[in-house]
Amino acid sequence: MSYRNSFRRYVCVSAFVLLAPGWAVMGYAQISEKVFRTDYHIDSLHSNRLFVEVDNVNFFRNIESPVIIVPGYTLPGFRLQTKAVYHPVSNIRIEGGVHSLWFWGADSYPAFAYSSLAYWRGERANNLVRVYPFFRAQAQLSEQVNIVLGNLYGAASHLLVEPLYNPELNLTADPETGMQVLYDTKWLHFDTWVNWETFIYKMDTKQEAFSFGVSALFMCNPPESTAHVYFPLQILAQHRGGQIDMTNLPVQTMLNGAAGAGLDWHFRYRTLKKIHLELNLLGYYQHAGNLWPLKRGYGTAVSASVDLPDFRVKAAYWKCNDFISMYGNPLFGAPSMSARDAYFMHPAMYSLGGEYIRTFGAGYALGIDFDFHLRPSSRISDPSAGIYTVPAQTCYSFGVYLRLNPSFLIKSFDN
């Protein structure tokens, strides 16, 4: 079967699954929206005021998974950001402080950039806590346009679908730094950014690394409409290279993309609040380098959810061919995370789960989630063992998250 015919077959299968009667439901997570996301709009009433803000996310998350897919682990700890926030004029915001990551029971932290749960390297470790400076300068050029330099409004604020961005990175990854442009109208939300992950000096022993992203949401009608229809378009690229280092490593350039359509159906019932349906087509391409054993691939994601008061019931279906996600949940990718250069051939996955979310006011929210994943039997290609069949595998995860984000007015400089 040709690559093009195989792609068409997966699209048709996924569309059928989405429309089939009785299919359970999953979408953008409430926890990402209520607990992890940060509002980037500048309040003009804060002009000439100085605040001290504390942004804290406490978490306990556990993942149980077969080693052949993704080895299981536990994340107990918290993220703490303490900063001063000053608005010299009505459309400028300056933030500066300290950002830290703490894992309970850890007394040393690997000393390099974190793009997920870091690998241990005892010879390069910082003691006590993972800590680094935080600084963000933001200018609101109009009601529609914001420019950000320094620490970005990243992670959950990019609105990326889960196969492209693992929500767990809201806990474990370093804050994004670089440049960002945000554009909002009645019918469009547009977010583009450059995240500079690794800086190098002349004759450095590592490559520079940065990622580029675009996340656009085209809306056919206002989000509060009874039947809200929208179309997401998302692009991610990562480049590793540089001309002044000493590594002699080849340039590495990888791309991910997603395009889809979604529907939010709102209800005014006491128990049923919203039904969400979404279909996304995703792609992967390794433009340069040999970091991964696969050159290109694609996948289809079907998701939906039912919102009840404080609860969300969710489910999803996923199928791919040679797909690799740079920042997504490894469960959505073809590679095995335990066997070098091994990858699953045409893997699929069914997911069921639920979320509980409780808000206590602006900046204060508690989230609890549970997810169950079933990977049907599939073949795996392993350079050391050949091609063989892996039986059906199950994975599950649960987490508890508490966001505390108080802000204290220190001084008003109004005349």
Protein backbone atom coordinates (compact mmCIF):
# COMPACT_ATOMS: atom_id res chain seq x y z
CA MET A 1 0.00 0.00 0.00
CA SER A 2 1.37 3.41 -0.98
CA TYR A 3 2.08 6.11 1.60
CA ARG A 4 -0.70 8.29 0.13
CA ASN A 5 -3.30 5.50 0.12
CA SER A 6 -2.37 4.54 3.68
CA PHE A 7 -2.88 8.16 4.79
CA ARG A 8 -6.34 8.29 3.18
CA ARG A 9 -7.34 5.04 4.87
CA TYR A 10 -6.41 6.36 8.34
CA VAL A 11 -8.38 9.58 7.77
CA CYS A 12 -11.50 7.63 6.79
CA VAL A 13 -11.21 5.28 9.77
CA SER A 14 -10.80 8.15 12.22
CA ALA A 15 -13.75 10.08 10.75
CA PHE A 16 -15.91 6.98 11.13
CA VAL A 17 -14.87 6.59 14.77
CA LEU A 18 -15.77 10.24 15.45
CA LEU A 19 -19.26 9.86 13.99
CA ALA A 20 -20.03 6.37 15.24
CA PRO A 21 -22.97 6.22 17.71
CA GLY A 22 -22.07 5.67 21.32
CA TRP A 23 -18.44 6.79 21.07
CA ALA A 24 -17.35 8.18 24.42
CA VAL A 25 -15.81 11.62 24.77
CA MET A 26 -12.14 13.93 25.37
CA GLY A 27 -10.87 17.31 24.33
CA TYR A 28 -8.81 20.21 25.57
CA ALA A 29 -8.34 19.47 29.25
CA GLN A 30 -10.12 21.63 31.80
CA ILE A 31 -7.06 21.33 34.04
CA SER A 32 -4.84 22.90 31.37
CA GLU A 33 -7.28 25.79 31.10
CA LYS A 34 -8.06 26.38 34.78
CA VAL A 35 -4.81 25.34 36.51
CA PHE A 36 -1.89 25.76 34.07
CA ARG A 37 -2.85 28.56 31.70
CA THR A 38 -1.80 32.17 32.38
CA ASP A 39 -3.79 35.22 31.25
CA TYR A 40 -1.61 37.52 29.12
CA HIS A 41 -3.96 40.50 28.84
CA ILE A 42 -2.75 43.75 30.44
CA ASP A 43 -5.17 45.48 32.79
CA SER A 44 -5.01 49.24 32.07
CA LEU A 45 -6.24 49.95 35.61
CA HIS A 46 -2.87 48.72 36.93
CA SER A 47 -0.97 51.60 35.37
CA ASN A 48 1.71 53.08 37.70
CA ARG A 49 1.27 50.26 40.21
CA LEU A 50 3.80 47.84 41.66
CA PHE A 51 2.73 44.33 42.71
CA VAL A 52 4.41 41.28 44.22
CA GLU A 53 3.00 38.10 42.72
CA VAL A 54 3.44 34.48 43.80
CA ASP A 55 2.63 31.77 41.24
CA ASN A 56 2.72 28.28 42.73
CA VAL A 57 1.61 24.92 41.24
CA ASN A 58 1.71 21.94 43.61
CA PHE A 59 1.48 18.51 41.99
CA PHE A 60 1.48 14.79 42.57
CA ARG A 61 1.35 12.74 39.36
CA ASN A 62 1.88 9.02 38.80
CA ILE A 63 2.27 7.16 35.48
CA GLU A 64 2.08 3.37 35.23
CA SER A 65 3.09 2.03 31.81
CA PRO A 66 4.81 -1.02 30.24
CA VAL A 67 8.53 -0.43 29.83
CA ILE A 68 8.39 -1.30 26.12
CA ILE A 69 6.23 1.81 25.49
CA VAL A 70 7.13 4.39 28.16
CA PRO A 71 8.69 3.45 31.53
CA GLY A 72 6.48 4.53 34.45
CA TYR A 73 7.46 7.16 37.03
CA THR A 74 6.09 9.52 39.71
CA LEU A 75 6.29 13.33 39.96
CA PRO A 76 5.83 14.75 43.50
CA GLY A 77 6.69 18.41 44.01
CA PHE A 78 5.87 22.01 43.16
CA ARG A 79 6.83 24.96 40.98
CA LEU A 80 7.26 28.33 42.63
CA GLN A 81 7.60 31.67 40.91
CA THR A 82 8.02 34.84 42.96
CA LYS A 83 8.23 38.12 41.10
CA ALA A 84 7.65 41.86 41.11
CA VAL A 85 5.17 43.15 38.51
CA TYR A 86 5.23 46.80 37.47
CA HIS A 87 3.04 48.69 34.97
CA PRO A 88 4.84 51.99 34.18
CA VAL A 89 2.06 52.92 31.73
CA SER A 90 -1.28 51.41 30.82
CA ASN A 91 0.06 49.19 28.02
CA ILE A 92 3.44 48.02 29.40
CA ARG A 93 4.07 45.25 31.92
CA ILE A 94 7.48 44.35 33.39
CA GLU A 95 7.96 41.22 35.52
CA GLY A 96 11.12 40.11 37.28
CA GLY A 97 11.88 37.49 39.91
CA VAL A 98 12.92 33.89 40.51
CA HIS A 99 11.49 30.65 39.15
CA SER A 100 12.17 27.32 40.87
CA LEU A 101 11.26 23.64 40.55
CA TRP A 102 11.23 21.28 43.53
CA PHE A 103 10.79 17.49 43.58
CA TRP A 104 10.10 16.01 47.00
CA GLY A 105 12.95 13.73 48.05
CA ALA A 106 15.47 15.23 45.58
CA ASP A 107 18.64 16.89 46.89
CA SER A 108 20.36 17.37 43.50
CA TYR A 109 19.14 18.44 40.06
CA PRO A 110 20.76 17.82 36.64
CA ALA A 111 22.37 21.08 35.45
CA PHE A 112 21.08 21.58 31.91
CA ALA A 113 17.93 22.75 30.11
CA TYR A 114 14.79 20.78 30.97
CA SER A 115 12.42 19.99 28.10
CA SER A 116 10.69 17.20 30.10
CA LEU A 117 11.61 15.05 33.10
CA ALA A 118 15.40 15.34 32.96
CA TYR A 119 17.91 12.48 32.72
CA TRP A 120 20.26 12.09 35.68
CA ARG A 121 23.86 13.08 35.13
CA GLY A 122 25.70 12.95 38.43
CA GLU A 123 28.73 14.80 37.14
CA ARG A 124 26.59 17.82 36.20
CA ALA A 125 24.23 18.54 39.06
CA ASN A 126 23.04 21.54 41.05
CA ASN A 127 22.25 21.04 44.72
CA LEU A 128 19.09 21.70 46.69
CA VAL A 129 16.76 23.16 44.04
CA ARG A 130 16.31 23.92 40.35
CA VAL A 131 16.32 27.73 40.27
CA TYR A 132 16.94 30.44 37.69
CA PRO A 133 15.96 34.06 37.02
CA PHE A 134 12.62 35.12 35.54
CA PHE A 135 12.10 38.27 33.47
CA ARG A 136 9.36 39.27 31.07
CA ALA A 137 8.78 42.54 29.20
CA GLN A 138 5.42 42.95 27.47
CA ALA A 139 4.04 45.73 25.27
CA GLN A 140 0.42 45.94 24.18
CA LEU A 141 0.52 47.73 20.83
CA SER A 142 -3.27 47.72 20.46
CA GLU A 143 -6.28 45.86 21.77
CA GLN A 144 -5.36 43.05 19.38
CA VAL A 145 -1.54 42.86 19.45
CA ASN A 146 0.88 41.97 22.26
CA ILE A 147 4.66 41.56 21.97
CA VAL A 148 6.55 39.63 24.65
CA LEU A 149 10.32 39.38 25.21
CA GLY A 150 12.05 37.24 27.82
CA ASN A 151 9.93 34.60 29.53
CA LEU A 152 6.99 33.73 27.29
CA TYR A 153 3.38 32.81 27.91
CA GLY A 154 4.14 29.21 27.03
CA ALA A 155 3.11 25.62 27.67
CA ALA A 156 -0.69 25.42 28.11
CA SER A 157 -1.07 29.04 26.96
CA HIS A 158 -0.18 27.97 23.39
CA LEU A 159 -3.40 25.87 23.20
CA LEU A 160 -1.55 23.01 21.49
CA VAL A 161 -3.30 19.65 21.09
CA GLU A 162 -1.99 16.85 23.32
CA PRO A 163 -0.25 14.83 20.54
CA LEU A 164 1.92 17.93 19.95
CA TYR A 165 2.38 19.06 23.56
CA ASN A 166 2.29 16.87 26.65
CA PRO A 167 0.37 18.67 29.46
CA GLU A 168 2.88 17.18 31.90
CA LEU A 169 5.47 19.64 30.58
CA ASN A 170 3.57 22.33 32.50
CA LEU A 171 5.20 20.68 35.54
CA THR A 172 8.65 19.53 34.40
CA ALA A 173 9.86 21.77 31.55
CA ASP A 174 11.77 25.02 31.96
CA PRO A 175 9.71 28.15 31.20
CA GLU A 176 10.01 29.19 27.58
CA THR A 177 12.26 32.17 26.80
CA GLY A 178 12.66 34.23 23.66
CA MET A 179 10.13 36.31 21.71
CA GLN A 180 6.37 36.01 21.22
CA VAL A 181 3.64 37.82 19.29
CA LEU A 182 -0.03 37.43 20.24
CA TYR A 183 -2.87 38.62 18.03
CA ASP A 184 -6.57 38.46 18.90
CA THR A 185 -9.71 39.43 17.02
CA LYS A 186 -13.31 38.33 17.25
CA TRP A 187 -12.68 35.50 14.80
CA LEU A 188 -9.00 34.65 15.28
CA HIS A 189 -6.51 33.86 18.03
CA PHE A 190 -2.93 33.82 16.72
CA ASP A 191 0.19 32.98 18.75
CA THR A 192 3.69 32.74 17.29
CA TRP A 193 6.94 32.40 19.24
CA VAL A 194 10.63 31.51 19.25
CA ASN A 195 11.79 29.60 22.33
CA TRP A 196 15.58 29.76 22.72
CA GLU A 197 16.41 26.54 24.55
CA THR A 198 20.23 26.41 24.44
CA PHE A 199 22.62 29.33 23.93
CA ILE A 200 26.20 28.68 22.84
CA TYR A 201 29.49 30.58 22.94
CA LYS A 202 32.37 30.43 20.50
CA MET A 203 34.08 27.02 20.59
CA ASP A 204 31.23 25.61 22.70
CA THR A 205 30.96 21.84 23.26
CA LYS A 206 27.22 21.70 22.57
CA GLN A 207 24.86 22.76 19.79
CA GLU A 208 22.51 25.69 20.02
CA ALA A 209 18.84 24.71 20.08
CA PHE A 210 15.67 26.68 19.58
CA SER A 211 12.07 25.95 18.64
CA PHE A 212 9.57 27.94 16.63
CA GLY A 213 5.81 27.67 16.88
CA VAL A 214 2.55 28.92 15.43
CA SER A 215 -0.82 28.24 17.03
CA ALA A 216 -3.89 29.69 15.28
CA LEU A 217 -7.54 29.24 16.14
CA PHE A 218 -10.03 30.30 13.46
CA MET A 219 -13.52 30.79 14.91
CA CYS A 220 -16.71 30.75 12.84
CA ASN A 221 -18.72 32.35 15.63
CA PRO A 222 -18.21 33.60 19.21
CA PRO A 223 -17.01 30.95 21.71
CA GLU A 224 -20.13 31.47 23.86
CA SER A 225 -22.46 30.56 20.97
CA THR A 226 -24.75 27.58 21.43
CA ALA A 227 -22.86 25.72 18.68
CA HIS A 228 -19.32 27.11 18.47
CA VAL A 229 -17.34 25.90 15.44
CA TYR A 230 -13.60 26.46 15.14
CA PHE A 231 -10.56 25.28 13.15
CA PRO A 232 -7.14 24.93 14.84
CA LEU A 233 -3.89 25.12 12.87
CA GLN A 234 -0.59 24.43 14.67
CA ILE A 235 3.05 24.21 13.56
CA LEU A 236 6.15 23.36 15.63
CA ALA A 237 9.77 23.24 14.47
CA GLN A 238 12.97 22.58 16.37
CA HIS A 239 16.48 23.37 15.12
CA ARG A 240 19.76 22.16 16.59
CA GLY A 241 22.99 23.41 15.06
CA GLY A 242 25.24 26.44 15.08
CA GLN A 243 28.39 27.54 13.28
CA ILE A 244 30.62 28.50 16.23
CA ASP A 245 30.58 25.26 18.27
CA MET A 246 33.17 22.46 18.31
CA THR A 247 30.81 19.48 18.22
CA ASN A 248 31.04 18.55 14.51
CA LEU A 249 27.50 17.24 14.90
CA PRO A 250 25.14 17.49 11.93
CA VAL A 251 22.33 20.04 11.85
CA GLN A 252 19.04 18.65 13.16
CA THR A 253 15.71 20.12 12.04
CA MET A 254 12.33 18.54 12.86
CA LEU A 255 8.78 19.68 12.26
CA ASN A 256 5.35 18.82 13.66
CA GLY A 257 1.99 20.11 12.49
CA ALA A 258 -1.71 19.74 13.18
CA ALA A 259 -4.89 20.92 11.47
CA GLY A 260 -8.44 20.10 12.41
CA ALA A 261 -11.99 21.10 13.20
CA GLY A 262 -13.92 21.30 16.45
CA LEU A 263 -17.40 21.84 17.81
CA ASP A 264 -18.46 23.05 21.28
CA TRP A 265 -22.18 22.54 21.92
CA HIS A 266 -23.31 24.49 24.99
CA PHE A 267 -26.34 23.58 27.10
CA ARG A 268 -28.24 25.43 29.81
CA TYR A 269 -29.21 22.34 31.74
CA ARG A 270 -28.41 22.01 35.42
CA THR A 271 -26.18 18.96 34.91
CA LEU A 272 -25.08 18.96 31.26
CA LYS A 273 -22.99 22.02 30.39
CA LYS A 274 -21.14 21.26 27.15
CA ILE A 275 -20.33 18.57 24.57
CA HIS A 276 -17.04 18.92 22.73
CA LEU A 277 -15.99 17.12 19.52
CA GLU A 278 -12.71 17.51 17.65
CA LEU A 279 -10.80 15.85 14.81
CA ASN A 280 -7.13 16.63 14.06
CA LEU A 281 -4.76 15.45 11.35
CA LEU A 282 -1.10 15.56 12.40
CA GLY A 283 2.21 15.31 10.61
CA TYR A 284 5.91 14.84 11.35
CA TYR A 285 8.92 15.53 9.13
CA GLN A 286 12.65 15.27 9.87
CA HIS A 287 14.04 17.86 7.48
CA ALA A 288 17.70 17.44 8.42
CA GLY A 289 19.76 15.13 10.61
CA ASN A 290 19.34 11.60 11.92
CA LEU A 291 18.16 12.13 15.49
CA TRP A 292 15.18 9.80 14.92
CA PRO A 293 15.05 6.60 12.82
CA LEU A 294 11.94 7.76 10.92
CA LYS A 295 11.93 10.43 8.23
CA ARG A 296 8.22 11.38 8.07
CA GLY A 297 4.90 10.25 9.45
CA TYR A 298 1.33 11.22 10.20
CA GLY A 299 -1.48 10.53 12.64
CA THR A 300 -5.17 11.17 13.26
CA ALA A 301 -6.65 12.17 16.61
CA VAL A 302 -10.34 12.01 17.42
CA SER A 303 -11.45 13.47 20.73
CA ALA A 304 -14.56 14.61 22.54
CA SER A 305 -15.72 15.47 26.05
CA VAL A 306 -18.82 16.01 28.15
CA ASP A 307 -18.73 18.78 30.74
CA LEU A 308 -20.78 18.44 33.92
CA PRO A 309 -20.64 20.77 36.92
CA ASP A 310 -16.99 20.54 38.11
CA PHE A 311 -16.44 17.32 36.10
CA ARG A 312 -15.35 16.35 32.61
CA VAL A 313 -15.73 12.86 31.11
CA LYS A 314 -13.39 12.24 28.18
CA ALA A 315 -12.22 9.68 25.67
CA ALA A 316 -10.21 9.60 22.46
CA TYR A 317 -8.96 7.49 19.60
CA TRP A 318 -5.52 7.80 18.02
CA LYS A 319 -3.79 6.05 15.13
CA CYS A 320 -0.53 6.89 13.40
CA ASN A 321 2.08 5.74 10.95
CA ASP A 322 5.75 6.60 11.65
CA PHE A 323 4.65 9.67 13.64
CA ILE A 324 7.04 11.31 16.13
CA SER A 325 6.10 14.21 18.39
CA MET A 326 8.88 16.51 19.62
CA TYR A 327 7.02 17.68 22.74
CA GLY A 328 3.90 15.48 22.86
CA ASN A 329 3.04 12.60 25.14
CA PRO A 330 5.29 9.65 24.06
CA LEU A 331 2.18 7.44 23.98
CA PHE A 332 1.18 9.24 20.78
CA GLY A 333 4.45 8.46 18.99
CA ALA A 334 5.71 5.45 17.05
CA PRO A 335 9.15 5.14 18.77
CA SER A 336 9.70 2.91 21.77
CA MET A 337 11.10 4.92 24.68
CA SER A 338 13.09 1.94 26.02
CA ALA A 339 14.61 0.21 22.96
CA ARG A 340 17.04 2.29 20.90
CA ASP A 341 15.84 3.04 17.33
CA ALA A 342 12.87 0.66 17.75
CA TYR A 343 9.45 1.83 16.63
CA PHE A 344 5.89 0.52 16.52
CA MET A 345 4.35 -0.10 13.11
CA HIS A 346 0.92 1.57 12.70
CA PRO A 347 0.18 1.87 16.46
CA ALA A 348 -3.31 2.81 17.68
CA MET A 349 -4.62 3.85 21.10
CA TYR A 350 -7.97 4.16 22.87
CA SER A 351 -8.23 6.50 25.87
CA LEU A 352 -10.80 7.01 28.61
CA GLY A 353 -10.61 9.40 31.54
CA GLY A 354 -12.13 11.99 33.78
CA GLU A 355 -11.30 15.31 35.41
CA TYR A 356 -12.48 17.16 38.46
CA ILE A 357 -11.85 20.90 38.62
CA ARG A 358 -12.70 23.29 41.44
CA THR A 359 -12.01 27.01 41.28
CA PHE A 360 -11.86 29.09 44.46
CA GLY A 361 -11.49 32.48 42.80
CA ALA A 362 -9.20 34.15 40.26
CA GLY A 363 -5.81 32.42 40.41
CA TYR A 364 -6.86 29.58 42.74
CA ALA A 365 -7.85 26.17 41.34
CA LEU A 366 -7.68 22.46 42.20
CA GLY A 367 -7.56 19.79 39.50
CA ILE A 368 -7.67 15.99 39.69
CA ASP A 369 -7.43 13.75 36.63
CA PHE A 370 -7.31 10.07 35.72
CA ASP A 371 -6.55 8.59 32.30
CA PHE A 372 -6.62 5.02 31.04
CA HIS A 373 -4.99 4.08 27.71
CA LEU A 374 -5.22 0.85 25.72
CA ARG A 375 -2.65 0.16 23.01
CA PRO A 376 -3.92 -2.77 20.85
CA SER A 377 -1.51 -5.45 19.73
CA SER A 378 0.93 -4.18 17.11
CA ARG A 379 4.22 -5.05 15.50
CA ILE A 380 7.49 -3.40 16.45
CA SER A 381 10.63 -3.01 14.36
CA ASP A 382 13.73 -3.39 16.54
CA PRO A 383 17.23 -3.22 14.95
CA SER A 384 18.55 -5.65 17.57
CA ALA A 385 15.67 -8.16 17.53
CA GLY A 386 13.97 -7.77 14.16
CA ILE A 387 10.22 -7.38 13.67
CA TYR A 388 7.97 -9.00 16.25
CA THR A 389 4.47 -8.58 17.69
CA VAL A 390 3.84 -6.84 21.00
CA PRO A 391 0.58 -7.85 22.75
CA ALA A 392 -2.00 -5.29 23.79
CA GLN A 393 -0.71 -2.98 26.52
CA THR A 394 -2.51 -0.78 29.07
CA CYS A 395 -1.30 2.41 30.72
CA TYR A 396 -2.86 4.68 33.27
CA SER A 397 -2.04 7.90 35.06
CA PHE A 398 -3.54 10.09 37.74
CA GLY A 399 -2.63 13.46 39.15
CA VAL A 400 -3.59 16.11 41.68
CA TYR A 401 -2.73 19.78 41.01
CA LEU A 402 -3.28 22.90 43.09
CA ARG A 403 -2.58 26.38 41.72
CA LEU A 404 -2.12 29.30 44.10
CA ASN A 405 -1.53 32.66 42.44
CA PRO A 406 -1.94 35.57 44.90
CA SER A 407 -0.97 39.14 43.99
CA PHE A 408 -0.22 41.93 46.48
CA LEU A 409 -0.31 45.64 45.74
CA ILE A 410 2.88 47.19 47.11
CA LYS A 411 2.63 50.78 45.93
CA SER A 412 0.62 53.01 43.65
CA PHE A 413 2.60 55.81 41.97
CA ASP A 414 -0.43 57.81 40.85
CA ASN A 415 -0.07 61.57 41.26
